Amino acid sequence: MCEDLALAFAMWLSPQFHVWVLKTVREIIFGNNPELVREAVMNMPRIQKELNTKRRKRNRIKAVLLGPDRRKEMRDLISKRSDINNRIHHLTFLPTVKSLQLDSESLGNQLIDLMNQRDQLEEDIKALENRFEKILVKEEYLDLVKEIRDLEAEQRQFSKIIRYSEFKFSQN
């Protein structure tokens, strides 16, 4: 326990030591294992292909279960949210604020109104998603979602290994 605290304290004291510790740990985990890097590189295309296939299948099942009206309802809500976010960004972008020559009270009121609208849309979207979840509780769909999550986790892990090996190679 004391060694852990001493190491943490030393890392806090010295940024160079902190970087050295991180590099050493990465080296221990990834660096001395070219087989791991080769496996990651070889498996990435397979994982990506599987992910694409499973995502298409999931989307087909979802489309059948939800139907076109429900999907359109969700798309409309998301589109409205996007429009409001764009208007908020437009109002908070400094050159635009200067060109509109709005006083701070007027600008603040418009922003508050837009944020309230966005919050209401978020609640509507959440409610719609909750309704959809009840529809989407089908065994095949849930299994597919789990498989996709597992593959995505595997893909992230392999990506980390590959990125670290590329970083290490570029440092040499």
N, C-alpha and C. Protein backbone atom coordinates (compact mmCIF):
# COMPACT_ATOMS: atom_id res chain seq x y z
N MET A 1 0.83 -1.19 0.00
CA MET A 1 0.00 0.00 0.00
C MET A 1 0.87 1.25 0.00
N CYS A 2 1.90 1.30 0.83
CA CYS A 2 2.77 2.46 0.91
C CYS A 2 3.53 2.68 -0.40
N GLU A 3 3.91 1.57 -1.06
CA GLU A 3 4.60 1.70 -2.35
C GLU A 3 3.69 2.34 -3.39
N ASP A 4 2.42 1.97 -3.36
CA ASP A 4 1.47 2.55 -4.31
C ASP A 4 1.32 4.05 -4.08
N LEU A 5 1.20 4.43 -2.82
CA LEU A 5 1.08 5.85 -2.50
C LEU A 5 2.35 6.62 -2.87
N ALA A 6 3.49 6.02 -2.61
CA ALA A 6 4.75 6.68 -2.95
C ALA A 6 4.87 6.87 -4.45
N LEU A 7 4.49 5.86 -5.21
CA LEU A 7 4.53 5.96 -6.66
C LEU A 7 3.57 7.03 -7.17
N ALA A 8 2.35 7.04 -6.63
CA ALA A 8 1.36 8.05 -7.02
C ALA A 8 1.86 9.45 -6.68
N PHE A 9 2.46 9.61 -5.52
CA PHE A 9 2.98 10.91 -5.11
C PHE A 9 4.13 11.34 -6.02
N ALA A 10 5.00 10.42 -6.35
CA ALA A 10 6.13 10.74 -7.24
C ALA A 10 5.63 11.12 -8.62
N MET A 11 4.59 10.44 -9.10
CA MET A 11 4.02 10.77 -10.40
C MET A 11 3.39 12.16 -10.37
N TRP A 12 2.80 12.50 -9.25
CA TRP A 12 2.19 13.82 -9.09
C TRP A 12 3.26 14.90 -9.06
N LEU A 13 4.37 14.61 -8.43
CA LEU A 13 5.45 15.59 -8.30
C LEU A 13 6.16 15.87 -9.63
N SER A 14 6.33 14.84 -10.41
CA SER A 14 7.15 14.98 -11.61
C SER A 14 6.38 14.52 -12.85
N PRO A 15 6.01 15.44 -13.72
CA PRO A 15 5.32 15.04 -14.96
C PRO A 15 6.18 14.10 -15.82
N GLN A 16 7.50 14.31 -15.81
CA GLN A 16 8.38 13.43 -16.58
C GLN A 16 8.32 12.00 -16.04
N PHE A 17 8.33 11.87 -14.72
CA PHE A 17 8.24 10.55 -14.11
C PHE A 17 6.88 9.92 -14.42
N HIS A 18 5.83 10.73 -14.40
CA HIS A 18 4.48 10.25 -14.71
C HIS A 18 4.46 9.65 -16.12
N VAL A 19 5.01 10.39 -17.09
CA VAL A 19 5.07 9.91 -18.48
C VAL A 19 5.89 8.63 -18.57
N TRP A 20 7.01 8.58 -17.86
CA TRP A 20 7.85 7.39 -17.88
C TRP A 20 7.07 6.17 -17.35
N VAL A 21 6.32 6.35 -16.26
CA VAL A 21 5.54 5.25 -15.69
C VAL A 21 4.50 4.77 -16.70
N LEU A 22 3.80 5.72 -17.34
CA LEU A 22 2.79 5.33 -18.33
C LEU A 22 3.40 4.57 -19.50
N LYS A 23 4.55 5.07 -20.01
CA LYS A 23 5.23 4.38 -21.11
C LYS A 23 5.67 2.98 -20.70
N THR A 24 6.19 2.86 -19.49
CA THR A 24 6.67 1.57 -19.02
C THR A 24 5.51 0.57 -18.89
N VAL A 25 4.40 1.03 -18.35
CA VAL A 25 3.23 0.14 -18.21
C VAL A 25 2.74 -0.29 -19.59
N ARG A 26 2.63 0.66 -20.52
CA ARG A 26 2.20 0.30 -21.88
C ARG A 26 3.18 -0.68 -22.53
N GLU A 27 4.45 -0.46 -22.30
CA GLU A 27 5.47 -1.34 -22.85
C GLU A 27 5.30 -2.75 -22.31
N ILE A 28 5.04 -2.85 -21.02
CA ILE A 28 4.85 -4.17 -20.40
C ILE A 28 3.60 -4.84 -20.96
N ILE A 29 2.53 -4.07 -21.11
CA ILE A 29 1.26 -4.66 -21.57
C ILE A 29 1.30 -4.98 -23.06
N PHE A 30 1.73 -4.00 -23.88
CA PHE A 30 1.63 -4.15 -25.33
C PHE A 30 2.97 -4.32 -26.03
N GLY A 31 3.98 -3.63 -25.56
CA GLY A 31 5.19 -3.42 -26.32
C GLY A 31 6.01 -4.65 -26.62
N ASN A 32 6.10 -5.58 -25.71
CA ASN A 32 6.97 -6.72 -25.92
C ASN A 32 6.22 -7.90 -26.50
N ASN A 33 5.11 -7.64 -27.14
CA ASN A 33 4.30 -8.72 -27.64
C ASN A 33 3.91 -8.47 -29.10
N PRO A 34 4.82 -8.72 -30.03
CA PRO A 34 4.49 -8.50 -31.45
C PRO A 34 3.36 -9.41 -31.93
N GLU A 35 3.23 -10.55 -31.29
CA GLU A 35 2.14 -11.47 -31.65
C GLU A 35 0.77 -10.83 -31.39
N LEU A 36 0.68 -10.09 -30.28
CA LEU A 36 -0.57 -9.41 -29.94
C LEU A 36 -0.90 -8.34 -30.98
N VAL A 37 0.10 -7.59 -31.41
CA VAL A 37 -0.11 -6.56 -32.43
C VAL A 37 -0.53 -7.21 -33.75
N ARG A 38 0.16 -8.30 -34.13
CA ARG A 38 -0.19 -8.99 -35.37
C ARG A 38 -1.62 -9.52 -35.32
N GLU A 39 -2.00 -10.09 -34.18
CA GLU A 39 -3.36 -10.60 -34.02
C GLU A 39 -4.38 -9.47 -34.15
N ALA A 40 -4.07 -8.32 -33.54
CA ALA A 40 -4.98 -7.18 -33.62
C ALA A 40 -5.14 -6.72 -35.06
N VAL A 41 -4.04 -6.59 -35.78
CA VAL A 41 -4.09 -6.13 -37.17
C VAL A 41 -4.85 -7.13 -38.03
N MET A 42 -4.62 -8.41 -37.81
CA MET A 42 -5.27 -9.44 -38.62
C MET A 42 -6.77 -9.53 -38.34
N ASN A 43 -7.19 -9.26 -37.11
CA ASN A 43 -8.59 -9.42 -36.74
C ASN A 43 -9.46 -8.20 -37.02
N MET A 44 -8.86 -7.04 -37.20
CA MET A 44 -9.66 -5.82 -37.39
C MET A 44 -10.61 -5.91 -38.60
N PRO A 45 -10.16 -6.37 -39.77
CA PRO A 45 -11.10 -6.45 -40.90
C PRO A 45 -12.26 -7.42 -40.63
N ARG A 46 -11.95 -8.54 -39.99
CA ARG A 46 -13.01 -9.52 -39.67
C ARG A 46 -14.03 -8.91 -38.73
N ILE A 47 -13.55 -8.22 -37.70
CA ILE A 47 -14.45 -7.60 -36.72
C ILE A 47 -15.31 -6.54 -37.39
N GLN A 48 -14.69 -5.71 -38.24
CA GLN A 48 -15.43 -4.66 -38.92
C GLN A 48 -16.51 -5.25 -39.81
N LYS A 49 -16.17 -6.32 -40.53
CA LYS A 49 -17.16 -6.97 -41.41
C LYS A 49 -18.32 -7.54 -40.59
N GLU A 50 -18.00 -8.22 -39.49
CA GLU A 50 -19.04 -8.77 -38.61
C GLU A 50 -19.92 -7.66 -38.05
N LEU A 51 -19.27 -6.57 -37.61
CA LEU A 51 -20.04 -5.45 -37.06
C LEU A 51 -21.00 -4.88 -38.09
N ASN A 52 -20.52 -4.67 -39.30
CA ASN A 52 -21.37 -4.12 -40.35
C ASN A 52 -22.55 -5.04 -40.64
N THR A 53 -22.29 -6.33 -40.71
CA THR A 53 -23.35 -7.30 -40.97
C THR A 53 -24.38 -7.29 -39.85
N LYS A 54 -23.92 -7.34 -38.61
CA LYS A 54 -24.83 -7.38 -37.47
C LYS A 54 -25.60 -6.07 -37.32
N ARG A 55 -24.95 -4.94 -37.60
CA ARG A 55 -25.64 -3.65 -37.51
C ARG A 55 -26.74 -3.56 -38.57
N ARG A 56 -26.46 -4.05 -39.79
CA ARG A 56 -27.50 -4.04 -40.82
C ARG A 56 -28.67 -4.91 -40.40
N LYS A 57 -28.37 -6.09 -39.87
CA LYS A 57 -29.43 -7.00 -39.43
C LYS A 57 -30.23 -6.37 -38.30
N ARG A 58 -29.53 -5.74 -37.33
CA ARG A 58 -30.21 -5.07 -36.23
C ARG A 58 -31.13 -3.97 -36.76
N ASN A 59 -30.64 -3.20 -37.70
CA ASN A 59 -31.44 -2.10 -38.24
C ASN A 59 -32.67 -2.61 -39.01
N ARG A 60 -32.51 -3.75 -39.71
CA ARG A 60 -33.67 -4.33 -40.40
C ARG A 60 -34.72 -4.80 -39.40
N ILE A 61 -34.27 -5.47 -38.34
CA ILE A 61 -35.21 -5.94 -37.31
C ILE A 61 -35.88 -4.75 -36.65
N LYS A 62 -35.11 -3.74 -36.32
CA LYS A 62 -35.64 -2.55 -35.67
C LYS A 62 -36.68 -1.88 -36.58
N ALA A 63 -36.37 -1.80 -37.87
CA ALA A 63 -37.30 -1.17 -38.81
C ALA A 63 -38.63 -1.92 -38.86
N VAL A 64 -38.55 -3.25 -38.85
CA VAL A 64 -39.78 -4.05 -38.88
C VAL A 64 -40.56 -3.88 -37.58
N LEU A 65 -39.85 -3.94 -36.45
CA LEU A 65 -40.53 -3.85 -35.16
C LEU A 65 -41.15 -2.47 -34.92
N LEU A 66 -40.44 -1.43 -35.30
CA LEU A 66 -40.93 -0.08 -35.02
C LEU A 66 -41.89 0.42 -36.09
N GLY A 67 -41.66 0.06 -37.33
CA GLY A 67 -42.51 0.52 -38.41
C GLY A 67 -42.13 1.93 -38.84
N PRO A 68 -42.59 2.32 -40.03
CA PRO A 68 -42.17 3.61 -40.60
C PRO A 68 -42.68 4.82 -39.82
N ASP A 69 -43.88 4.73 -39.25
CA ASP A 69 -44.44 5.90 -38.55
C ASP A 69 -43.63 6.24 -37.30
N ARG A 70 -43.26 5.21 -36.55
CA ARG A 70 -42.47 5.46 -35.33
C ARG A 70 -41.09 5.99 -35.66
N ARG A 71 -40.47 5.42 -36.71
CA ARG A 71 -39.15 5.91 -37.11
C ARG A 71 -39.22 7.36 -37.57
N LYS A 72 -40.26 7.71 -38.30
CA LYS A 72 -40.42 9.09 -38.77
C LYS A 72 -40.62 10.02 -37.58
N GLU A 73 -41.38 9.58 -36.60
CA GLU A 73 -41.61 10.39 -35.40
C GLU A 73 -40.28 10.68 -34.69
N MET A 74 -39.43 9.67 -34.57
CA MET A 74 -38.14 9.85 -33.91
C MET A 74 -37.25 10.76 -34.75
N ARG A 75 -37.21 10.55 -36.07
CA ARG A 75 -36.39 11.39 -36.94
C ARG A 75 -36.81 12.86 -36.85
N ASP A 76 -38.13 13.09 -36.78
CA ASP A 76 -38.62 14.47 -36.68
C ASP A 76 -38.17 15.13 -35.38
N LEU A 77 -38.27 14.40 -34.27
CA LEU A 77 -37.82 14.96 -32.99
C LEU A 77 -36.33 15.25 -32.99
N ILE A 78 -35.56 14.33 -33.53
CA ILE A 78 -34.11 14.53 -33.58
C ILE A 78 -33.75 15.69 -34.50
N SER A 79 -34.47 15.83 -35.58
CA SER A 79 -34.24 16.94 -36.50
C SER A 79 -34.55 18.28 -35.83
N LYS A 80 -35.64 18.32 -35.08
CA LYS A 80 -36.00 19.56 -34.35
C LYS A 80 -34.91 19.90 -33.32
N ARG A 81 -34.42 18.87 -32.62
CA ARG A 81 -33.36 19.11 -31.64
C ARG A 81 -32.11 19.66 -32.32
N SER A 82 -31.78 19.10 -33.47
CA SER A 82 -30.61 19.57 -34.21
C SER A 82 -30.79 21.03 -34.64
N ASP A 83 -31.98 21.38 -35.10
CA ASP A 83 -32.26 22.77 -35.49
C ASP A 83 -32.08 23.71 -34.31
N ILE A 84 -32.60 23.31 -33.16
CA ILE A 84 -32.48 24.16 -31.97
C ILE A 84 -31.01 24.29 -31.56
N ASN A 85 -30.27 23.19 -31.59
CA ASN A 85 -28.84 23.25 -31.26
C ASN A 85 -28.10 24.19 -32.21
N ASN A 86 -28.46 24.15 -33.49
CA ASN A 86 -27.84 25.06 -34.45
C ASN A 86 -28.19 26.51 -34.15
N ARG A 87 -29.42 26.76 -33.77
CA ARG A 87 -29.82 28.13 -33.43
C ARG A 87 -29.10 28.62 -32.17
N ILE A 88 -28.94 27.72 -31.20
CA ILE A 88 -28.19 28.08 -29.98
C ILE A 88 -26.75 28.41 -30.35
N HIS A 89 -26.14 27.56 -31.18
CA HIS A 89 -24.76 27.80 -31.60
C HIS A 89 -24.67 29.14 -32.35
N HIS A 90 -25.63 29.38 -33.22
CA HIS A 90 -25.64 30.61 -33.99
C HIS A 90 -25.72 31.84 -33.08
N LEU A 91 -26.54 31.75 -32.04
CA LEU A 91 -26.69 32.88 -31.12
C LEU A 91 -25.48 33.07 -30.22
N THR A 92 -24.75 32.01 -29.97
CA THR A 92 -23.60 32.13 -29.06
C THR A 92 -22.28 32.31 -29.79
N PHE A 93 -22.31 32.27 -31.11
CA PHE A 93 -21.10 32.47 -31.91
C PHE A 93 -20.81 33.96 -31.95
N LEU A 94 -19.65 34.37 -31.45
CA LEU A 94 -19.33 35.78 -31.20
C LEU A 94 -19.54 36.70 -32.41
N PRO A 95 -19.04 36.37 -33.62
CA PRO A 95 -19.28 37.29 -34.74
C PRO A 95 -20.76 37.49 -35.04
N THR A 96 -21.56 36.42 -34.86
CA THR A 96 -22.99 36.53 -35.10
C THR A 96 -23.63 37.45 -34.07
N VAL A 97 -23.23 37.30 -32.81
CA VAL A 97 -23.79 38.12 -31.74
C VAL A 97 -23.51 39.59 -32.03
N LYS A 98 -22.30 39.90 -32.48
CA LYS A 98 -21.96 41.28 -32.79
C LYS A 98 -22.77 41.79 -33.98
N SER A 99 -22.94 40.93 -35.01
CA SER A 99 -23.67 41.38 -36.19
C SER A 99 -25.16 41.56 -35.91
N LEU A 100 -25.72 40.77 -35.00
CA LEU A 100 -27.13 40.91 -34.65
C LEU A 100 -27.37 42.12 -33.76
N GLN A 101 -26.34 42.58 -33.11
CA GLN A 101 -26.40 43.71 -32.20
C GLN A 101 -27.55 43.56 -31.18
N LEU A 102 -27.59 42.40 -30.56
CA LEU A 102 -28.59 42.14 -29.55
C LEU A 102 -28.05 42.59 -28.20
N ASP A 103 -28.94 43.14 -27.39
CA ASP A 103 -28.48 43.44 -26.04
C ASP A 103 -28.43 42.14 -25.25
N SER A 104 -27.71 42.15 -24.17
CA SER A 104 -27.47 40.91 -23.43
C SER A 104 -28.77 40.32 -22.88
N GLU A 105 -29.71 41.17 -22.50
CA GLU A 105 -30.98 40.65 -21.96
C GLU A 105 -31.78 39.93 -23.04
N SER A 106 -31.84 40.53 -24.22
CA SER A 106 -32.57 39.91 -25.32
C SER A 106 -31.91 38.59 -25.73
N LEU A 107 -30.59 38.61 -25.83
CA LEU A 107 -29.85 37.40 -26.17
C LEU A 107 -30.06 36.32 -25.12
N GLY A 108 -29.98 36.71 -23.85
CA GLY A 108 -30.19 35.75 -22.76
C GLY A 108 -31.58 35.15 -22.80
N ASN A 109 -32.59 35.97 -23.07
CA ASN A 109 -33.97 35.47 -23.13
C ASN A 109 -34.15 34.49 -24.28
N GLN A 110 -33.55 34.81 -25.44
CA GLN A 110 -33.65 33.90 -26.59
C GLN A 110 -32.96 32.57 -26.29
N LEU A 111 -31.78 32.65 -25.67
CA LEU A 111 -31.06 31.42 -25.33
C LEU A 111 -31.83 30.57 -24.33
N ILE A 112 -32.39 31.21 -23.31
CA ILE A 112 -33.17 30.47 -22.31
C ILE A 112 -34.37 29.80 -22.96
N ASP A 113 -35.05 30.52 -23.86
CA ASP A 113 -36.20 29.96 -24.56
C ASP A 113 -35.79 28.75 -25.40
N LEU A 114 -34.69 28.89 -26.13
CA LEU A 114 -34.22 27.76 -26.96
C LEU A 114 -33.79 26.58 -26.10
N MET A 115 -33.12 26.84 -25.00
CA MET A 115 -32.69 25.75 -24.12
C MET A 115 -33.88 25.04 -23.49
N ASN A 116 -34.92 25.80 -23.15
CA ASN A 116 -36.14 25.18 -22.62
C ASN A 116 -36.79 24.30 -23.68
N GLN A 117 -36.81 24.80 -24.93
CA GLN A 117 -37.37 23.99 -26.03
C GLN A 117 -36.56 22.71 -26.21
N ARG A 118 -35.23 22.86 -26.14
CA ARG A 118 -34.36 21.69 -26.31
C ARG A 118 -34.58 20.69 -25.17
N ASP A 119 -34.72 21.19 -23.94
CA ASP A 119 -34.97 20.29 -22.80
C ASP A 119 -36.28 19.54 -22.98
N GLN A 120 -37.30 20.24 -23.48
CA GLN A 120 -38.59 19.58 -23.71
C GLN A 120 -38.45 18.51 -24.79
N LEU A 121 -37.71 18.82 -25.85
CA LEU A 121 -37.49 17.82 -26.90
C LEU A 121 -36.72 16.62 -26.37
N GLU A 122 -35.73 16.87 -25.51
CA GLU A 122 -34.97 15.77 -24.92
C GLU A 122 -35.91 14.86 -24.12
N GLU A 123 -36.82 15.46 -23.38
CA GLU A 123 -37.79 14.66 -22.62
C GLU A 123 -38.69 13.87 -23.57
N ASP A 124 -39.12 14.50 -24.65
CA ASP A 124 -39.97 13.81 -25.63
C ASP A 124 -39.21 12.65 -26.29
N ILE A 125 -37.95 12.87 -26.61
CA ILE A 125 -37.13 11.83 -27.23
C ILE A 125 -36.94 10.68 -26.25
N LYS A 126 -36.66 11.00 -24.97
CA LYS A 126 -36.49 9.95 -23.95
C LYS A 126 -37.78 9.13 -23.81
N ALA A 127 -38.91 9.82 -23.78
CA ALA A 127 -40.19 9.12 -23.64
C ALA A 127 -40.42 8.20 -24.84
N LEU A 128 -40.10 8.70 -26.02
CA LEU A 128 -40.27 7.89 -27.23
C LEU A 128 -39.33 6.69 -27.20
N GLU A 129 -38.09 6.90 -26.78
CA GLU A 129 -37.14 5.79 -26.68
C GLU A 129 -37.64 4.75 -25.68
N ASN A 130 -38.21 5.20 -24.56
CA ASN A 130 -38.74 4.26 -23.57
C ASN A 130 -39.89 3.45 -24.16
N ARG A 131 -40.74 4.12 -24.94
CA ARG A 131 -41.83 3.41 -25.60
C ARG A 131 -41.27 2.39 -26.58
N PHE A 132 -40.24 2.79 -27.32
CA PHE A 132 -39.64 1.90 -28.31
C PHE A 132 -38.97 0.71 -27.64
N GLU A 133 -38.35 0.93 -26.48
CA GLU A 133 -37.68 -0.16 -25.78
C GLU A 133 -38.66 -1.28 -25.45
N LYS A 134 -39.87 -0.91 -25.11
CA LYS A 134 -40.88 -1.94 -24.80
C LYS A 134 -41.22 -2.75 -26.04
N ILE A 135 -41.18 -2.10 -27.19
CA ILE A 135 -41.45 -2.80 -28.45
C ILE A 135 -40.26 -3.66 -28.84
N LEU A 136 -39.06 -3.16 -28.58
CA LEU A 136 -37.84 -3.83 -29.04
C LEU A 136 -37.35 -4.94 -28.11
N VAL A 137 -38.15 -5.33 -27.15
CA VAL A 137 -37.75 -6.40 -26.24
C VAL A 137 -38.09 -7.74 -26.90
N LYS A 138 -37.40 -8.01 -27.96
CA LYS A 138 -37.51 -9.29 -28.65
C LYS A 138 -36.17 -9.99 -28.50
N GLU A 139 -36.21 -11.27 -28.28
CA GLU A 139 -35.00 -12.04 -27.98
C GLU A 139 -33.93 -11.88 -29.04
N GLU A 140 -34.30 -12.03 -30.31
CA GLU A 140 -33.32 -11.95 -31.40
C GLU A 140 -32.66 -10.57 -31.43
N TYR A 141 -33.47 -9.53 -31.26
CA TYR A 141 -32.95 -8.16 -31.29
C TYR A 141 -31.98 -7.93 -30.13
N LEU A 142 -32.37 -8.34 -28.93
CA LEU A 142 -31.52 -8.14 -27.76
C LEU A 142 -30.20 -8.91 -27.87
N ASP A 143 -30.26 -10.14 -28.40
CA ASP A 143 -29.04 -10.92 -28.61
C ASP A 143 -28.11 -10.21 -29.59
N LEU A 144 -28.68 -9.66 -30.63
CA LEU A 144 -27.89 -8.95 -31.64
C LEU A 144 -27.22 -7.72 -31.05
N VAL A 145 -27.96 -6.98 -30.23
CA VAL A 145 -27.40 -5.78 -29.58
C VAL A 145 -26.23 -6.18 -28.69
N LYS A 146 -26.37 -7.27 -27.95
CA LYS A 146 -25.28 -7.73 -27.08
C LYS A 146 -24.07 -8.15 -27.91
N GLU A 147 -24.29 -8.88 -28.98
CA GLU A 147 -23.18 -9.29 -29.85
C GLU A 147 -22.45 -8.08 -30.42
N ILE A 148 -23.21 -7.06 -30.82
CA ILE A 148 -22.61 -5.84 -31.37
C ILE A 148 -21.76 -5.15 -30.31
N ARG A 149 -22.28 -5.05 -29.10
CA ARG A 149 -21.51 -4.42 -28.01
C ARG A 149 -20.22 -5.18 -27.73
N ASP A 150 -20.29 -6.50 -27.74
CA ASP A 150 -19.09 -7.31 -27.50
C ASP A 150 -18.06 -7.10 -28.60
N LEU A 151 -18.52 -7.09 -29.86
CA LEU A 151 -17.60 -6.87 -30.97
C LEU A 151 -16.99 -5.47 -30.92
N GLU A 152 -17.79 -4.48 -30.55
CA GLU A 152 -17.27 -3.11 -30.44
C GLU A 152 -16.20 -3.02 -29.35
N ALA A 153 -16.41 -3.72 -28.25
CA ALA A 153 -15.41 -3.73 -27.17
C ALA A 153 -14.12 -4.39 -27.67
N GLU A 154 -14.24 -5.49 -28.39
CA GLU A 154 -13.07 -6.16 -28.94
C GLU A 154 -12.36 -5.25 -29.94
N GLN A 155 -13.13 -4.56 -30.76
CA GLN A 155 -12.56 -3.64 -31.74
C GLN A 155 -11.81 -2.50 -31.05
N ARG A 156 -12.38 -1.95 -29.98
CA ARG A 156 -11.70 -0.87 -29.24
C ARG A 156 -10.39 -1.36 -28.66
N GLN A 157 -10.38 -2.57 -28.11
CA GLN A 157 -9.16 -3.11 -27.53
C GLN A 157 -8.07 -3.30 -28.59
N PHE A 158 -8.45 -3.87 -29.72
CA PHE A 158 -7.48 -4.06 -30.80
C PHE A 158 -7.00 -2.70 -31.33
N SER A 159 -7.88 -1.73 -31.40
CA SER A 159 -7.50 -0.39 -31.87
C SER A 159 -6.46 0.23 -30.95
N LYS A 160 -6.64 0.05 -29.65
CA LYS A 160 -5.67 0.57 -28.68
C LYS A 160 -4.30 -0.07 -28.90
N ILE A 161 -4.30 -1.36 -29.10
CA ILE A 161 -3.04 -2.08 -29.31
C ILE A 161 -2.36 -1.57 -30.58
N ILE A 162 -3.12 -1.43 -31.64
CA ILE A 162 -2.55 -0.97 -32.92
C ILE A 162 -2.06 0.46 -32.80
N ARG A 163 -2.86 1.33 -32.20
CA ARG A 163 -2.44 2.74 -32.04
C ARG A 163 -1.17 2.83 -31.22
N TYR A 164 -1.08 2.05 -30.15
CA TYR A 164 0.12 2.11 -29.32
C TYR A 164 1.33 1.61 -30.10
N SER A 165 1.17 0.55 -30.86
CA SER A 165 2.32 0.03 -31.62
C SER A 165 2.73 1.05 -32.69
N GLU A 166 1.77 1.75 -33.32
CA GLU A 166 2.09 2.78 -34.31
C GLU A 166 2.82 3.93 -33.63
N PHE A 167 2.35 4.31 -32.44
CA PHE A 167 2.99 5.40 -31.69
C PHE A 167 4.42 4.99 -31.35
N LYS A 168 4.57 3.78 -30.86
CA LYS A 168 5.90 3.30 -30.47
C LYS A 168 6.83 3.28 -31.67
N PHE A 169 6.30 2.82 -32.82
CA PHE A 169 7.11 2.76 -34.03
C PHE A 169 7.52 4.16 -34.48
N SER A 170 6.62 5.12 -34.38
CA SER A 170 6.93 6.49 -34.81
C SER A 170 7.95 7.15 -33.88
N GLN A 171 8.06 6.68 -32.65
CA GLN A 171 9.02 7.25 -31.69
C GLN A 171 10.43 6.76 -31.98
N ASN A 172 10.55 5.62 -32.66
CA ASN A 172 11.88 5.05 -32.94
C ASN A 172 12.53 5.67 -34.14
